[in-house]
Protein backbone atom coordinates (compact mmCIF):
# COMPACT_ATOMS: atom_id res chain seq x y z
CA UNK A 1 7.28 130.79 199.04
CA UNK A 2 5.37 127.50 199.35
CA UNK A 3 6.32 127.25 203.02
CA UNK A 4 5.13 130.83 203.58
CA UNK A 5 1.75 130.06 202.01
CA UNK A 6 1.34 126.93 204.12
CA UNK A 7 2.22 128.91 207.26
CA UNK A 8 -0.32 131.61 206.37
CA UNK A 9 -3.05 129.03 205.69
CA UNK A 10 -2.27 127.28 208.97
CA UNK A 11 -2.64 130.57 210.86
CA UNK A 12 -5.94 131.36 209.11
CA UNK A 13 -7.32 127.92 209.88
CA UNK A 14 -6.24 128.26 213.52
CA UNK A 15 -7.91 131.71 213.76
CA UNK A 16 -11.16 130.30 212.42
CA UNK A 17 -10.99 127.37 214.84
CA UNK A 18 -10.30 129.66 217.81
CA UNK A 19 -13.33 131.77 216.85
CA UNK A 20 -15.40 128.55 216.64
CA UNK A 21 -16.48 129.43 213.11
CA UNK A 22 -17.91 126.87 210.71
CA UNK A 23 -18.05 127.41 206.96
CA UNK A 24 -20.62 125.75 204.70
CA UNK A 25 -18.66 126.50 201.55
CA UNK A 26 -15.47 128.03 200.22
CA UNK A 27 -17.17 131.40 199.62
CA UNK A 28 -17.78 131.89 203.34
CA UNK A 29 -14.20 130.92 204.16
CA UNK A 30 -12.91 133.31 201.47
CA UNK A 31 -14.84 136.21 203.02
CA UNK A 32 -13.39 135.38 206.46
CA UNK A 33 -9.80 135.13 205.20
CA UNK A 34 -10.12 138.34 203.18
CA UNK A 35 -11.30 140.22 206.27
CA UNK A 36 -8.56 138.69 208.40
CA UNK A 37 -5.93 139.65 205.83
CA UNK A 38 -7.14 143.28 205.76
CA UNK A 39 -7.39 143.66 209.51
CA UNK A 40 -7.80 141.32 212.51
CA UNK A 41 -10.48 143.71 213.81
CA UNK A 42 -12.47 143.42 210.56
CA UNK A 43 -13.92 140.00 211.31
CA UNK A 44 -17.71 139.71 211.16
CA UNK A 45 -19.84 136.88 212.54
CA UNK A 46 -22.89 135.76 210.59
CA UNK A 47 -26.18 134.96 212.19
CA UNK A 48 -27.70 131.69 211.01
CA UNK A 49 -31.37 131.63 209.99
CA UNK A 50 -33.01 128.28 209.19
CA UNK A 51 -36.73 129.11 209.04
CA UNK A 52 -39.34 131.86 209.26
CA UNK A 53 -39.68 131.62 213.04
CA UNK A 54 -35.93 132.14 213.57
CA UNK A 55 -35.96 135.07 211.13
CA UNK A 56 -38.91 136.68 212.92
CA UNK A 57 -37.07 136.79 216.25
CA UNK A 58 -34.88 139.57 214.80
CA UNK A 59 -37.79 141.87 213.94
CA UNK A 60 -37.04 145.47 214.90
CA UNK A 61 -33.43 144.68 215.72
CA UNK A 62 -30.08 145.27 214.05
CA UNK A 63 -29.10 141.97 212.46
CA UNK A 64 -25.46 142.80 212.02
CA UNK A 65 -22.68 144.74 210.36
CA UNK A 66 -20.55 143.59 207.44
CA UNK A 67 -16.79 143.88 207.15
CA UNK A 68 -15.18 146.87 205.45
CA UNK A 69 -14.72 146.91 201.68
CA UNK A 70 -12.40 149.26 199.77
CA UNK A 71 -13.80 150.91 196.64
CA UNK A 72 -10.89 150.97 194.19
CA UNK A 73 -10.51 152.81 190.90
CA UNK A 74 -10.29 149.46 189.15
CA UNK A 75 -13.68 148.44 190.53
CA UNK A 76 -15.17 151.79 189.48
CA UNK A 77 -13.75 151.40 185.97
CA UNK A 78 -15.13 147.87 185.62
CA UNK A 79 -18.55 149.02 186.77
CA UNK A 80 -18.41 151.86 184.22
CA UNK A 81 -17.66 149.32 181.49
CA UNK A 82 -20.48 147.02 182.61
CA UNK A 83 -23.07 149.81 182.76
CA UNK A 84 -21.76 151.98 179.89
CA UNK A 85 -21.53 154.94 182.29
CA UNK A 86 -18.16 156.60 181.68
CA UNK A 87 -18.86 160.02 183.20
CA UNK A 88 -15.49 161.61 183.99
CA UNK A 89 -16.32 162.18 187.66
CA UNK A 90 -16.05 158.39 187.98
CA UNK A 91 -13.37 157.39 185.49
CA UNK A 92 -10.93 160.28 185.01
CA UNK A 93 -8.84 160.69 188.19
CA UNK A 94 -6.82 163.64 186.90
CA UNK A 95 -9.83 165.65 185.77
CA UNK A 96 -11.78 164.75 188.90
CA UNK A 97 -8.86 165.96 191.01
CA UNK A 98 -8.53 169.29 189.17
CA UNK A 99 -12.11 170.07 188.18
CA UNK A 100 -14.37 167.94 190.35
CA UNK A 101 -16.02 169.09 193.59
CA UNK A 102 -14.61 166.18 195.62
CA UNK A 103 -10.93 166.28 194.69
CA UNK A 104 -11.03 162.69 193.46
CA UNK A 105 -13.17 160.30 191.50
CA UNK A 106 -16.29 158.92 193.16
CA UNK A 107 -18.05 155.59 192.85
CA UNK A 108 -21.27 155.33 190.89
CA UNK A 109 -24.18 155.37 193.30
CA UNK A 110 -25.52 152.18 191.75
CA UNK A 111 -22.15 150.50 192.24
CA UNK A 112 -22.51 150.95 195.98
CA UNK A 113 -26.09 149.66 195.82
CA UNK A 114 -24.96 146.62 193.81
CA UNK A 115 -22.80 145.59 196.78
CA UNK A 116 -25.89 144.88 198.90
CA UNK A 117 -25.97 141.09 198.27
CA UNK A 118 -22.21 140.83 198.90
CA UNK A 119 -22.55 142.59 202.26
CA UNK A 120 -25.79 140.83 203.22
CA UNK A 121 -24.16 137.42 202.77
CA UNK A 122 -21.49 138.46 205.29
CA UNK A 123 -24.16 139.35 207.83
CA UNK A 124 -26.69 136.51 207.54
CA UNK A 125 -26.37 132.87 206.53
CA UNK A 126 -29.91 131.93 205.50
CA UNK A 127 -30.06 128.13 205.29
CA UNK A 128 -32.60 125.40 204.55
CA UNK A 129 -33.87 127.10 201.40
CA UNK A 130 -35.71 125.92 198.31
CA UNK A 131 -35.37 129.35 196.71
CA UNK A 132 -34.33 132.94 197.38
CA UNK A 133 -35.49 135.91 195.29
CA UNK A 134 -34.29 139.51 195.25
CA UNK A 135 -37.73 141.12 195.33
CA UNK A 136 -37.15 144.88 195.48
CA UNK A 137 -34.98 147.80 196.58
CA UNK A 138 -36.90 150.60 198.24
CA UNK A 139 -36.44 154.21 199.33
CA UNK A 140 -32.73 154.42 198.59
CA UNK A 141 -31.47 157.91 199.44
CA UNK A 142 -27.89 158.86 198.63
CA UNK A 143 -26.47 161.10 201.34
CA UNK A 144 -22.72 161.18 200.71
CA UNK A 145 -20.53 160.48 197.66
CA UNK A 146 -18.10 157.58 198.04
CA UNK A 147 -14.62 158.71 197.00
CA UNK A 148 -12.18 156.30 195.43
CA UNK A 149 -10.25 154.22 198.00
CA UNK A 150 -12.95 154.78 200.63
CA UNK A 151 -13.81 151.95 203.01
CA UNK A 152 -17.51 151.11 203.21
CA UNK A 153 -19.61 148.63 205.14
CA UNK A 154 -23.28 147.77 205.62
CA UNK A 155 -25.50 147.81 208.69
CA UNK A 156 -28.66 145.68 208.35
CA UNK A 157 -31.87 145.80 210.41
CA UNK A 158 -34.97 143.64 210.03
CA UNK A 159 -37.77 146.22 209.71
CA UNK A 160 -40.59 143.94 208.51
CA UNK A 161 -41.28 140.25 207.96
CA UNK A 162 -44.41 138.56 206.63
CA UNK A 163 -45.34 134.94 205.99
CA UNK A 164 -47.07 134.85 202.60
CA UNK A 165 -48.54 131.34 202.66
CA UNK A 166 -45.19 129.70 203.13
CA UNK A 167 -43.01 132.37 201.53
CA UNK A 168 -41.09 134.67 203.89
CA UNK A 169 -41.00 138.29 202.75
CA UNK A 170 -38.24 140.06 204.68
CA UNK A 171 -37.61 143.80 204.49
CA UNK A 172 -34.06 144.65 205.51
CA UNK A 173 -33.25 148.26 206.41
CA UNK A 174 -29.78 149.09 205.12
CA UNK A 175 -27.26 151.82 205.87
CA UNK A 176 -23.94 151.98 204.07
CA UNK A 177 -21.31 153.63 206.25
CA UNK A 178 -18.17 155.32 204.95
CA UNK A 179 -15.14 155.08 207.20
CA UNK A 180 -14.31 158.54 208.58
CA UNK A 181 -17.52 160.20 207.35
CA UNK A 182 -20.44 161.32 209.53
CA UNK A 183 -23.04 160.81 206.80
CA UNK A 184 -23.73 157.39 205.27
CA UNK A 185 -23.38 156.73 201.56
CA UNK A 186 -27.07 155.84 201.54
CA UNK A 187 -29.99 154.50 203.51
CA UNK A 188 -32.94 152.44 202.31
CA UNK A 189 -34.32 148.93 202.30
CA UNK A 190 -33.95 145.71 200.35
CA UNK A 191 -36.68 143.06 200.21
CA UNK A 192 -35.96 139.34 199.88
CA UNK A 193 -38.35 136.42 199.40
CA UNK A 194 -37.30 133.15 201.04
CA UNK A 195 -38.94 129.77 200.45
CA UNK A 196 -37.79 127.59 203.33
CA UNK A 197 -37.93 123.81 203.27
CA UNK A 198 -40.63 122.39 205.51
């Protein structure tokens, strides 16, 4: 078993080297290895942003797409516990199958929204920071329920950026796609404040 783990790690390290990827911390490497384990075609490449000027070059453009993430019943149940929202359409698979309109449980809408930071950190590596603040979430519109065991991912676009006397206010347009579905789970925007080092 130990030999198998060493072989797997060696292959992962080689894959990262071949892709010329550099990781600032273990979290970034963990995201890469998780994507590689799920599917070799699920690898995403972060853009690196070090200051306001670099960020501004992406204005009006798609910044990137995250890897796929599977919404499991366990994750739904844990979110229900954390938010005290135990509606049966989320937490009772048997009842949802027999009585629900979707034939299965569905994720809480706010669970899918809560994944925004996780997905964003796969898309952009914002460096050289004194501070980062989650400022607001705007115009979120839910278009399609996310059934249990669905695969979802995020597409991010820089729709606005302003320099507020040294603080970068970035508005990121977001679309959460569901694998195999024409409609997205939701669309909207998330606003971050970044205080870059001089």
